Structure formats: C-alpha cells, structure tokens
Protein backbone atom coordinates (compact mmCIF):
# COMPACT_ATOMS: atom_id res chain seq x y z
CA MET A 1 75.29 -171.52 -114.83
CA SER A 2 76.78 -169.48 -112.01
CA LYS A 3 75.69 -165.97 -111.16
CA THR A 4 79.10 -164.61 -112.21
CA SER A 5 78.90 -166.42 -115.54
CA ARG A 6 75.41 -165.01 -116.19
CA LYS A 7 76.68 -161.48 -115.47
CA LEU A 8 79.59 -161.95 -117.86
CA HIS A 9 77.27 -163.25 -120.59
CA LYS A 10 74.90 -160.32 -120.07
CA GLU A 11 77.74 -157.79 -120.31
CA THR A 12 79.22 -159.52 -123.37
CA PHE A 13 75.84 -159.67 -125.11
CA THR A 14 75.31 -155.99 -124.35
CA ALA A 15 78.71 -155.03 -125.77
CA VAL A 16 78.28 -157.12 -128.93
CA GLY A 17 74.63 -156.11 -129.42
CA THR A 18 75.29 -152.40 -129.08
CA GLY A 19 78.26 -152.85 -131.40
CA LEU A 20 75.98 -154.18 -134.09
CA LEU A 21 73.35 -151.49 -133.51
CA VAL A 22 75.89 -148.65 -133.54
CA ASN A 23 78.57 -149.81 -135.98
CA TYR A 24 76.48 -150.92 -138.94
CA PRO A 25 74.59 -147.62 -139.34
CA LEU A 26 77.78 -145.68 -138.56
CA ASN A 27 79.63 -147.57 -141.27
CA MET A 28 76.87 -146.88 -143.80
CA ILE A 29 76.79 -143.17 -142.92
CA LEU A 30 80.57 -142.83 -143.10
CA LEU A 31 80.73 -144.66 -146.43
CA TYR A 32 78.00 -142.42 -147.83
CA LEU A 33 79.78 -139.27 -146.62
CA MET A 34 83.20 -140.28 -147.85
CA ILE A 35 82.20 -141.76 -151.21
CA ASP A 36 79.09 -139.85 -152.28
CA VAL A 37 79.44 -136.49 -150.52
CA LEU A 38 83.21 -135.98 -150.29
CA GLU A 39 83.82 -138.01 -153.46
CA TRP A 40 86.83 -139.83 -152.04
CA ASN A 41 87.99 -142.68 -154.26
CA ASP A 42 91.08 -144.01 -152.50
CA THR A 43 90.13 -147.29 -150.80
CA VAL A 44 93.04 -147.17 -148.35
CA ILE A 45 92.17 -143.66 -147.14
CA ILE A 46 88.48 -144.52 -146.80
CA ALA A 47 89.19 -147.78 -144.95
CA THR A 48 91.76 -146.17 -142.65
CA SER A 49 89.51 -143.21 -141.84
CA ILE A 50 86.50 -145.41 -141.10
CA THR A 51 88.62 -147.78 -138.98
CA GLY A 52 89.96 -144.87 -136.92
CA LEU A 53 86.54 -143.34 -136.34
CA MET A 54 84.90 -146.67 -135.54
CA THR A 55 87.72 -147.57 -133.13
CA PHE A 56 87.11 -144.35 -131.22
CA VAL A 57 83.35 -145.00 -131.12
CA ALA A 58 83.90 -148.64 -130.05
CA TYR A 59 86.28 -147.65 -127.26
CA THR A 60 83.82 -145.06 -125.96
CA ARG A 61 80.88 -147.47 -126.22
CA VAL A 62 82.65 -150.31 -124.39
CA TYR A 63 83.94 -147.92 -121.71
CA ILE A 64 80.38 -146.71 -121.03
CA ILE A 65 79.09 -150.30 -120.89
CA ARG A 66 81.87 -151.41 -118.51
CA ARG A 67 81.26 -148.39 -116.29
CA HIS A 68 77.53 -149.19 -116.19
CA PHE A 69 78.09 -152.83 -115.23
CA SER A 70 80.81 -151.92 -112.74
CA ARG A 71 78.50 -149.46 -110.98
CA GLN A 72 75.70 -152.01 -111.00
CA GLU A 73 78.01 -154.60 -109.44
CA ARG A 74 79.09 -152.20 -106.68
CA ARG A 75 75.44 -151.40 -105.84
CA HIS A 76 74.60 -155.08 -105.36
CA LYS A 77 77.47 -155.83 -102.98
C-alpha cells in the first residue's frame, strides 16, 4: 500500500470513526429532547430537524478533520 493510500485510509477512518462517536450520542440526545422534553409528535418535523442539525455538525466535523490533515500534510513536505 502506498504512502498516499495509507494517508487517505487514515483520514477516512478518522472521519467515519468520529462520525460514529459524535452522531450516535447526538441523535439520542436530540430524540430525547424533541420527544420527551419538547413533546413533539410529528415524525416529519423531528426527522427534518435532526437531519438539519446533524448535517451542520457533520459539515463542521469533517471540515476540522480535513483542516487537520491538510496542515499535517503541509508540515511534512
């Protein structure tokens, strides 16, 4: 496996792994808030709200990961 391929796998694993670690608990918290605390009962509103919030979190998370790996790559050149 080439050095470039290893770097890509490491970055991909990091993005997917942090996604699992962040998104699962976030989903549980948001479901609890929307269903139990706010007493929402419209599935479409709950699903749309959670999708919007999780999309924002995912974009931010992946941007931070890409920035980290990009900076690391520039340091090693």
